[in-house]
Amino acid sequence: MPLIRKLEHDDFKNLLTIETESFASGYSPYFIKMMPILFGNTSYISLKGHSSQGYVATALEQGSCRAWILSLAVRPKYRQLGLGKALLEMGLQALAAAGAGEVMLSVSPENQRAIALYEKMGFSICRKVSDYFGPGEDRIIMKKNLPEEKN
């Protein structure tokens, strides 16, 4: 059974491994190094023994009840095991507890597995944006409203 826990500063190498195996042109090493510092309260990593499996990075917009799923990545050999769903659930719970009312994300139109997961988890497509990350980098923007936390 994998361990899913909040990101820590020492996770850099594990996060970098997940990122490079998951995305052709992902986040820079500097950004990966900063993830636990900037987003550690609402972001998680999945580990089994000493092997990293996946992570979810989330962030709250300053002065807003809106949050973003910055990245959800699972190493290829650990896909289709429910880890993406488990990581996403943990991130959404943390965002709700932090006061987020809605969660946004961007996803490549070619990533049909991710789109299907997000739709299964209650996200809906808001719009399609051409050249979102530059020429040829189109994205689908998706949104999910979170229930209010009950005290």
N, C-alpha and C. Protein backbone atom coordinates (compact mmCIF):
# COMPACT_ATOMS: atom_id res chain seq x y z
N MET A 1 0.84 -1.18 0.00
CA MET A 1 0.00 0.00 0.00
C MET A 1 0.89 1.25 0.00
N PRO A 2 0.64 2.17 -0.91
CA PRO A 2 1.49 3.37 -0.96
C PRO A 2 1.18 4.32 0.20
N LEU A 3 2.18 5.10 0.53
CA LEU A 3 2.04 6.17 1.51
C LEU A 3 1.79 7.46 0.73
N ILE A 4 0.73 8.17 1.07
CA ILE A 4 0.48 9.48 0.47
C ILE A 4 0.60 10.50 1.60
N ARG A 5 1.52 11.44 1.42
CA ARG A 5 1.75 12.45 2.45
C ARG A 5 2.03 13.80 1.80
N LYS A 6 2.01 14.85 2.63
CA LYS A 6 2.30 16.19 2.13
C LYS A 6 3.74 16.26 1.62
N LEU A 7 3.93 17.15 0.65
CA LEU A 7 5.28 17.36 0.11
C LEU A 7 6.21 17.88 1.20
N GLU A 8 7.46 17.44 1.13
CA GLU A 8 8.51 17.91 2.04
C GLU A 8 9.71 18.37 1.21
N HIS A 9 10.54 19.20 1.83
CA HIS A 9 11.71 19.75 1.13
C HIS A 9 12.60 18.66 0.55
N ASP A 10 12.73 17.54 1.25
CA ASP A 10 13.61 16.45 0.80
C ASP A 10 13.04 15.65 -0.37
N ASP A 11 11.87 16.01 -0.87
CA ASP A 11 11.23 15.27 -1.96
C ASP A 11 11.73 15.68 -3.35
N PHE A 12 12.68 16.60 -3.43
CA PHE A 12 13.10 17.15 -4.73
C PHE A 12 13.43 16.07 -5.76
N LYS A 13 14.30 15.13 -5.41
CA LYS A 13 14.70 14.11 -6.39
C LYS A 13 13.52 13.24 -6.81
N ASN A 14 12.68 12.88 -5.85
CA ASN A 14 11.49 12.09 -6.18
C ASN A 14 10.55 12.86 -7.10
N LEU A 15 10.31 14.13 -6.79
CA LEU A 15 9.43 14.95 -7.62
C LEU A 15 10.00 15.12 -9.03
N LEU A 16 11.30 15.34 -9.11
CA LEU A 16 11.95 15.50 -10.41
C LEU A 16 11.84 14.22 -11.24
N THR A 17 12.00 13.07 -10.61
CA THR A 17 11.84 11.79 -11.31
C THR A 17 10.43 11.64 -11.85
N ILE A 18 9.44 11.91 -11.02
CA ILE A 18 8.04 11.81 -11.46
C ILE A 18 7.79 12.76 -12.63
N GLU A 19 8.25 13.99 -12.49
CA GLU A 19 8.01 15.02 -13.51
C GLU A 19 8.63 14.63 -14.85
N THR A 20 9.89 14.21 -14.83
CA THR A 20 10.58 13.91 -16.09
C THR A 20 10.03 12.66 -16.76
N GLU A 21 9.55 11.69 -15.98
CA GLU A 21 8.95 10.49 -16.57
C GLU A 21 7.53 10.73 -17.05
N SER A 22 6.88 11.76 -16.54
CA SER A 22 5.47 12.00 -16.85
C SER A 22 5.24 12.99 -17.97
N PHE A 23 6.13 13.97 -18.12
CA PHE A 23 5.90 15.05 -19.08
C PHE A 23 7.13 15.28 -19.95
N ALA A 24 6.91 15.44 -21.25
CA ALA A 24 8.01 15.71 -22.18
C ALA A 24 8.68 17.03 -21.84
N SER A 25 7.90 18.05 -21.59
CA SER A 25 8.45 19.36 -21.22
C SER A 25 7.69 19.86 -20.00
N GLY A 26 8.10 19.39 -18.85
CA GLY A 26 7.42 19.73 -17.61
C GLY A 26 8.02 20.95 -16.94
N TYR A 27 7.78 21.04 -15.65
CA TYR A 27 8.28 22.16 -14.87
C TYR A 27 9.81 22.12 -14.76
N SER A 28 10.40 23.29 -14.57
CA SER A 28 11.85 23.39 -14.41
C SER A 28 12.26 22.81 -13.06
N PRO A 29 13.52 22.37 -12.95
CA PRO A 29 14.00 21.87 -11.65
C PRO A 29 13.84 22.91 -10.53
N TYR A 30 14.03 24.18 -10.85
CA TYR A 30 13.86 25.22 -9.83
C TYR A 30 12.44 25.22 -9.29
N PHE A 31 11.45 25.17 -10.19
CA PHE A 31 10.05 25.17 -9.76
C PHE A 31 9.76 23.92 -8.92
N ILE A 32 10.27 22.77 -9.36
CA ILE A 32 10.09 21.52 -8.62
C ILE A 32 10.66 21.66 -7.21
N LYS A 33 11.84 22.26 -7.11
CA LYS A 33 12.50 22.45 -5.81
C LYS A 33 11.65 23.33 -4.89
N MET A 34 10.95 24.31 -5.46
CA MET A 34 10.16 25.25 -4.68
C MET A 34 8.77 24.72 -4.30
N MET A 35 8.31 23.67 -4.95
CA MET A 35 6.95 23.16 -4.69
C MET A 35 6.65 22.93 -3.21
N PRO A 36 7.50 22.21 -2.47
CA PRO A 36 7.17 21.99 -1.06
C PRO A 36 7.12 23.27 -0.24
N ILE A 37 7.93 24.25 -0.61
CA ILE A 37 7.96 25.51 0.11
C ILE A 37 6.72 26.33 -0.19
N LEU A 38 6.36 26.42 -1.45
CA LEU A 38 5.24 27.26 -1.86
C LEU A 38 3.87 26.59 -1.72
N PHE A 39 3.82 25.29 -1.95
CA PHE A 39 2.52 24.60 -2.03
C PHE A 39 2.42 23.38 -1.12
N GLY A 40 3.35 23.22 -0.19
CA GLY A 40 3.43 22.01 0.63
C GLY A 40 2.23 21.73 1.51
N ASN A 41 1.46 22.76 1.87
CA ASN A 41 0.31 22.54 2.74
C ASN A 41 -0.86 21.87 2.04
N THR A 42 -0.90 21.95 0.72
CA THR A 42 -2.05 21.38 -0.01
C THR A 42 -1.61 20.46 -1.15
N SER A 43 -0.35 20.04 -1.13
CA SER A 43 0.19 19.20 -2.20
C SER A 43 0.76 17.91 -1.61
N TYR A 44 0.68 16.82 -2.39
CA TYR A 44 0.98 15.49 -1.86
C TYR A 44 1.84 14.67 -2.82
N ILE A 45 2.54 13.69 -2.22
CA ILE A 45 3.35 12.75 -2.99
C ILE A 45 2.97 11.33 -2.56
N SER A 46 3.03 10.42 -3.51
CA SER A 46 2.77 9.00 -3.24
C SER A 46 4.09 8.24 -3.32
N LEU A 47 4.38 7.49 -2.27
CA LEU A 47 5.62 6.71 -2.18
C LEU A 47 5.30 5.28 -1.79
N LYS A 48 6.07 4.35 -2.33
CA LYS A 48 6.00 2.96 -1.90
C LYS A 48 7.43 2.54 -1.62
N GLY A 49 7.74 2.37 -0.35
CA GLY A 49 9.14 2.15 0.03
C GLY A 49 9.95 3.38 -0.33
N HIS A 50 11.01 3.18 -1.08
CA HIS A 50 11.85 4.31 -1.52
C HIS A 50 11.50 4.75 -2.94
N SER A 51 10.45 4.20 -3.50
CA SER A 51 10.08 4.51 -4.89
C SER A 51 8.96 5.55 -4.93
N SER A 52 9.22 6.63 -5.66
CA SER A 52 8.20 7.66 -5.85
C SER A 52 7.24 7.20 -6.94
N GLN A 53 5.95 7.47 -6.74
CA GLN A 53 4.94 7.03 -7.69
C GLN A 53 4.24 8.18 -8.41
N GLY A 54 3.88 9.21 -7.66
CA GLY A 54 3.16 10.32 -8.26
C GLY A 54 3.05 11.48 -7.29
N TYR A 55 2.54 12.60 -7.79
CA TYR A 55 2.31 13.75 -6.92
C TYR A 55 1.18 14.60 -7.46
N VAL A 56 0.61 15.41 -6.59
CA VAL A 56 -0.33 16.45 -6.98
C VAL A 56 0.16 17.75 -6.35
N ALA A 57 0.24 18.80 -7.16
CA ALA A 57 0.62 20.13 -6.68
C ALA A 57 -0.58 21.05 -6.86
N THR A 58 -0.95 21.71 -5.78
CA THR A 58 -2.11 22.61 -5.81
C THR A 58 -1.73 23.94 -5.20
N ALA A 59 -2.52 24.97 -5.50
CA ALA A 59 -2.26 26.30 -4.94
C ALA A 59 -3.54 27.10 -4.85
N LEU A 60 -3.65 27.89 -3.80
CA LEU A 60 -4.75 28.83 -3.65
C LEU A 60 -4.36 30.16 -4.27
N GLU A 61 -5.28 30.79 -4.98
CA GLU A 61 -5.03 32.15 -5.48
C GLU A 61 -5.06 33.10 -4.29
N GLN A 62 -4.12 34.05 -4.26
CA GLN A 62 -4.09 35.03 -3.18
C GLN A 62 -5.36 35.86 -3.18
N GLY A 63 -5.94 36.04 -2.01
CA GLY A 63 -7.11 36.89 -1.85
C GLY A 63 -8.35 36.38 -2.55
N SER A 64 -8.43 35.08 -2.76
CA SER A 64 -9.54 34.50 -3.51
C SER A 64 -9.93 33.16 -2.90
N CYS A 65 -11.12 32.70 -3.23
CA CYS A 65 -11.52 31.35 -2.82
C CYS A 65 -11.28 30.36 -3.95
N ARG A 66 -10.56 30.78 -4.98
CA ARG A 66 -10.24 29.92 -6.12
C ARG A 66 -8.88 29.26 -5.89
N ALA A 67 -8.80 28.01 -6.31
CA ALA A 67 -7.55 27.26 -6.23
C ALA A 67 -7.28 26.61 -7.57
N TRP A 68 -6.06 26.14 -7.74
CA TRP A 68 -5.65 25.49 -9.00
C TRP A 68 -4.97 24.17 -8.71
N ILE A 69 -5.25 23.19 -9.54
CA ILE A 69 -4.44 21.98 -9.61
C ILE A 69 -3.32 22.35 -10.59
N LEU A 70 -2.12 22.53 -10.08
CA LEU A 70 -0.99 22.92 -10.92
C LEU A 70 -0.47 21.74 -11.71
N SER A 71 -0.47 20.58 -11.07
CA SER A 71 0.03 19.38 -11.74
C SER A 71 -0.45 18.14 -11.00
N LEU A 72 -0.80 17.14 -11.78
CA LEU A 72 -1.10 15.80 -11.27
C LEU A 72 -0.30 14.85 -12.15
N ALA A 73 0.64 14.16 -11.56
CA ALA A 73 1.53 13.29 -12.35
C ALA A 73 1.72 11.96 -11.65
N VAL A 74 1.63 10.89 -12.43
CA VAL A 74 1.91 9.54 -11.95
C VAL A 74 2.90 8.91 -12.92
N ARG A 75 3.97 8.33 -12.38
CA ARG A 75 4.96 7.68 -13.24
C ARG A 75 4.29 6.58 -14.06
N PRO A 76 4.70 6.42 -15.32
CA PRO A 76 4.04 5.47 -16.22
C PRO A 76 3.83 4.07 -15.63
N LYS A 77 4.81 3.54 -14.92
CA LYS A 77 4.67 2.16 -14.42
C LYS A 77 3.68 2.04 -13.26
N TYR A 78 3.20 3.17 -12.73
CA TYR A 78 2.22 3.13 -11.64
C TYR A 78 0.84 3.63 -12.06
N ARG A 79 0.66 3.85 -13.34
CA ARG A 79 -0.64 4.33 -13.82
C ARG A 79 -1.69 3.22 -13.83
N GLN A 80 -2.94 3.64 -13.85
CA GLN A 80 -4.10 2.73 -13.88
C GLN A 80 -4.22 1.90 -12.60
N LEU A 81 -3.70 2.42 -11.49
CA LEU A 81 -3.81 1.75 -10.19
C LEU A 81 -4.64 2.56 -9.20
N GLY A 82 -5.19 3.69 -9.65
CA GLY A 82 -5.98 4.54 -8.76
C GLY A 82 -5.19 5.59 -8.01
N LEU A 83 -3.89 5.71 -8.30
CA LEU A 83 -3.06 6.69 -7.59
C LEU A 83 -3.43 8.12 -7.95
N GLY A 84 -3.68 8.38 -9.23
CA GLY A 84 -4.06 9.73 -9.64
C GLY A 84 -5.32 10.18 -8.93
N LYS A 85 -6.30 9.31 -8.86
CA LYS A 85 -7.56 9.62 -8.16
C LYS A 85 -7.30 9.87 -6.68
N ALA A 86 -6.51 9.01 -6.04
CA ALA A 86 -6.21 9.17 -4.62
C ALA A 86 -5.47 10.48 -4.34
N LEU A 87 -4.49 10.80 -5.17
CA LEU A 87 -3.75 12.05 -5.00
C LEU A 87 -4.66 13.25 -5.21
N LEU A 88 -5.50 13.19 -6.24
CA LEU A 88 -6.42 14.29 -6.52
C LEU A 88 -7.39 14.48 -5.36
N GLU A 89 -7.92 13.39 -4.81
CA GLU A 89 -8.83 13.48 -3.66
C GLU A 89 -8.15 14.16 -2.48
N MET A 90 -6.91 13.79 -2.19
CA MET A 90 -6.17 14.40 -1.08
C MET A 90 -5.98 15.90 -1.31
N GLY A 91 -5.59 16.26 -2.53
CA GLY A 91 -5.42 17.67 -2.85
C GLY A 91 -6.71 18.45 -2.73
N LEU A 92 -7.81 17.90 -3.21
CA LEU A 92 -9.11 18.58 -3.13
C LEU A 92 -9.55 18.74 -1.68
N GLN A 93 -9.34 17.72 -0.85
CA GLN A 93 -9.69 17.82 0.57
C GLN A 93 -8.88 18.92 1.25
N ALA A 94 -7.60 18.99 0.95
CA ALA A 94 -6.74 20.01 1.55
C ALA A 94 -7.15 21.40 1.09
N LEU A 95 -7.50 21.54 -0.18
CA LEU A 95 -7.94 22.85 -0.69
C LEU A 95 -9.25 23.27 -0.05
N ALA A 96 -10.18 22.34 0.11
CA ALA A 96 -11.46 22.66 0.76
C ALA A 96 -11.21 23.10 2.21
N ALA A 97 -10.35 22.38 2.92
CA ALA A 97 -10.03 22.73 4.30
C ALA A 97 -9.35 24.10 4.39
N ALA A 98 -8.63 24.49 3.34
CA ALA A 98 -7.94 25.79 3.31
C ALA A 98 -8.87 26.92 2.87
N GLY A 99 -10.12 26.59 2.54
CA GLY A 99 -11.10 27.62 2.20
C GLY A 99 -11.40 27.80 0.74
N ALA A 100 -10.90 26.92 -0.11
CA ALA A 100 -11.20 27.04 -1.54
C ALA A 100 -12.66 26.70 -1.80
N GLY A 101 -13.29 27.48 -2.66
CA GLY A 101 -14.67 27.22 -3.05
C GLY A 101 -14.77 26.63 -4.44
N GLU A 102 -13.76 26.91 -5.26
CA GLU A 102 -13.72 26.33 -6.60
C GLU A 102 -12.28 25.99 -6.95
N VAL A 103 -12.14 24.96 -7.77
CA VAL A 103 -10.81 24.51 -8.19
C VAL A 103 -10.77 24.48 -9.71
N MET A 104 -9.72 25.04 -10.26
CA MET A 104 -9.51 25.11 -11.70
C MET A 104 -8.30 24.25 -12.06
N LEU A 105 -8.23 23.87 -13.33
CA LEU A 105 -7.05 23.19 -13.84
C LEU A 105 -7.00 23.36 -15.34
N SER A 106 -5.82 23.16 -15.90
CA SER A 106 -5.67 23.13 -17.35
C SER A 106 -5.11 21.77 -17.73
N VAL A 107 -5.57 21.25 -18.86
CA VAL A 107 -5.14 19.93 -19.30
C VAL A 107 -5.03 19.94 -20.82
N SER A 108 -4.08 19.20 -21.33
CA SER A 108 -3.92 19.08 -22.78
C SER A 108 -5.13 18.37 -23.38
N PRO A 109 -5.65 18.87 -24.51
CA PRO A 109 -6.78 18.20 -25.16
C PRO A 109 -6.46 16.77 -25.57
N GLU A 110 -5.17 16.45 -25.76
CA GLU A 110 -4.78 15.09 -26.13
C GLU A 110 -4.78 14.12 -24.95
N ASN A 111 -4.78 14.64 -23.73
CA ASN A 111 -4.69 13.79 -22.55
C ASN A 111 -6.08 13.32 -22.13
N GLN A 112 -6.64 12.42 -22.92
CA GLN A 112 -8.01 11.96 -22.70
C GLN A 112 -8.18 11.19 -21.38
N ARG A 113 -7.16 10.47 -20.95
CA ARG A 113 -7.25 9.76 -19.66
C ARG A 113 -7.40 10.74 -18.51
N ALA A 114 -6.62 11.81 -18.54
CA ALA A 114 -6.71 12.82 -17.49
C ALA A 114 -8.06 13.51 -17.53
N ILE A 115 -8.53 13.87 -18.71
CA ILE A 115 -9.83 14.52 -18.84
C ILE A 115 -10.93 13.62 -18.28
N ALA A 116 -10.88 12.33 -18.59
CA ALA A 116 -11.88 11.38 -18.08
C ALA A 116 -11.82 11.31 -16.55
N LEU A 117 -10.61 11.28 -15.97
CA LEU A 117 -10.48 11.26 -14.52
C LEU A 117 -11.08 12.52 -13.91
N TYR A 118 -10.72 13.67 -14.47
CA TYR A 118 -11.23 14.92 -13.92
C TYR A 118 -12.75 14.99 -14.01
N GLU A 119 -13.32 14.55 -15.11
CA GLU A 119 -14.78 14.54 -15.23
C GLU A 119 -15.40 13.59 -14.22
N LYS A 120 -14.79 12.44 -14.02
CA LYS A 120 -15.28 11.47 -13.02
C LYS A 120 -15.23 12.07 -11.62
N MET A 121 -14.26 12.96 -11.38
CA MET A 121 -14.10 13.59 -10.07
C MET A 121 -14.92 14.88 -9.93
N GLY A 122 -15.78 15.16 -10.91
CA GLY A 122 -16.69 16.29 -10.79
C GLY A 122 -16.27 17.57 -11.47
N PHE A 123 -15.18 17.55 -12.21
CA PHE A 123 -14.76 18.74 -12.97
C PHE A 123 -15.56 18.80 -14.26
N SER A 124 -15.82 20.01 -14.72
CA SER A 124 -16.47 20.19 -16.01
C SER A 124 -15.65 21.15 -16.86
N ILE A 125 -15.77 21.00 -18.16
CA ILE A 125 -15.02 21.84 -19.09
C ILE A 125 -15.63 23.23 -19.13
N CYS A 126 -14.80 24.24 -18.91
CA CYS A 126 -15.23 25.64 -18.98
C CYS A 126 -15.02 26.20 -20.38
N ARG A 127 -13.81 25.95 -20.90
CA ARG A 127 -13.47 26.50 -22.21
C ARG A 127 -12.22 25.82 -22.74
N LYS A 128 -12.00 26.01 -24.03
CA LYS A 128 -10.77 25.56 -24.67
C LYS A 128 -10.00 26.81 -25.06
N VAL A 129 -8.70 26.81 -24.80
CA VAL A 129 -7.87 27.98 -25.06
C VAL A 129 -6.73 27.57 -25.99
N SER A 130 -6.66 28.21 -27.15
CA SER A 130 -5.56 27.97 -28.08
C SER A 130 -4.30 28.67 -27.58
N ASP A 131 -3.16 28.04 -27.77
CA ASP A 131 -1.86 28.63 -27.44
C ASP A 131 -1.75 29.07 -25.97
N TYR A 132 -2.39 28.36 -25.07
CA TYR A 132 -2.42 28.70 -23.64
C TYR A 132 -1.01 28.82 -23.07
N PHE A 133 -0.14 27.89 -23.41
CA PHE A 133 1.25 27.92 -22.95
C PHE A 133 2.21 28.27 -24.08
N GLY A 134 1.72 28.96 -25.11
CA GLY A 134 2.53 29.31 -26.26
C GLY A 134 2.03 28.61 -27.50
N PRO A 135 2.66 28.89 -28.65
CA PRO A 135 2.20 28.33 -29.92
C PRO A 135 2.09 26.80 -29.89
N GLY A 136 0.91 26.32 -30.26
CA GLY A 136 0.66 24.89 -30.31
C GLY A 136 0.41 24.22 -28.97
N GLU A 137 0.38 24.99 -27.91
CA GLU A 137 0.17 24.45 -26.55
C GLU A 137 -1.24 24.77 -26.08
N ASP A 138 -2.22 24.17 -26.76
CA ASP A 138 -3.62 24.38 -26.41
C ASP A 138 -3.95 23.68 -25.10
N ARG A 139 -4.95 24.20 -24.39
CA ARG A 139 -5.38 23.59 -23.14
C ARG A 139 -6.89 23.69 -23.01
N ILE A 140 -7.42 22.72 -22.27
CA ILE A 140 -8.81 22.75 -21.84
C ILE A 140 -8.78 23.22 -20.39
N ILE A 141 -9.61 24.19 -20.06
CA ILE A 141 -9.73 24.68 -18.69
C ILE A 141 -10.95 24.00 -18.08
N MET A 142 -10.74 23.40 -16.91
CA MET A 142 -11.82 22.69 -16.22
C MET A 142 -12.01 23.28 -14.83
N LYS A 143 -13.22 23.09 -14.29
CA LYS A 143 -13.57 23.69 -13.00
C LYS A 143 -14.41 22.73 -12.18
N LYS A 144 -14.23 22.80 -10.87
CA LYS A 144 -15.04 22.03 -9.93
C LYS A 144 -15.37 22.93 -8.75
N ASN A 145 -16.63 22.98 -8.36
CA ASN A 145 -17.02 23.69 -7.15
C ASN A 145 -16.88 22.74 -5.98
N LEU A 146 -16.32 23.24 -4.88
CA LEU A 146 -16.14 22.43 -3.69
C LEU A 146 -17.24 22.73 -2.68
N PRO A 147 -17.68 21.72 -1.95
CA PRO A 147 -18.66 21.98 -0.89
C PRO A 147 -18.00 22.76 0.23
N GLU A 148 -18.80 23.55 0.93
CA GLU A 148 -18.26 24.30 2.06
C GLU A 148 -17.88 23.33 3.17
N GLU A 149 -16.76 23.63 3.83
CA GLU A 149 -16.33 22.81 4.97
C GLU A 149 -17.28 23.05 6.13
N LYS A 150 -17.70 21.97 6.78
CA LYS A 150 -18.56 22.07 7.95
C LYS A 150 -17.69 21.99 9.20
N ASN A 151 -17.88 22.94 10.09
CA ASN A 151 -17.08 22.95 11.33
C ASN A 151 -17.77 22.18 12.42
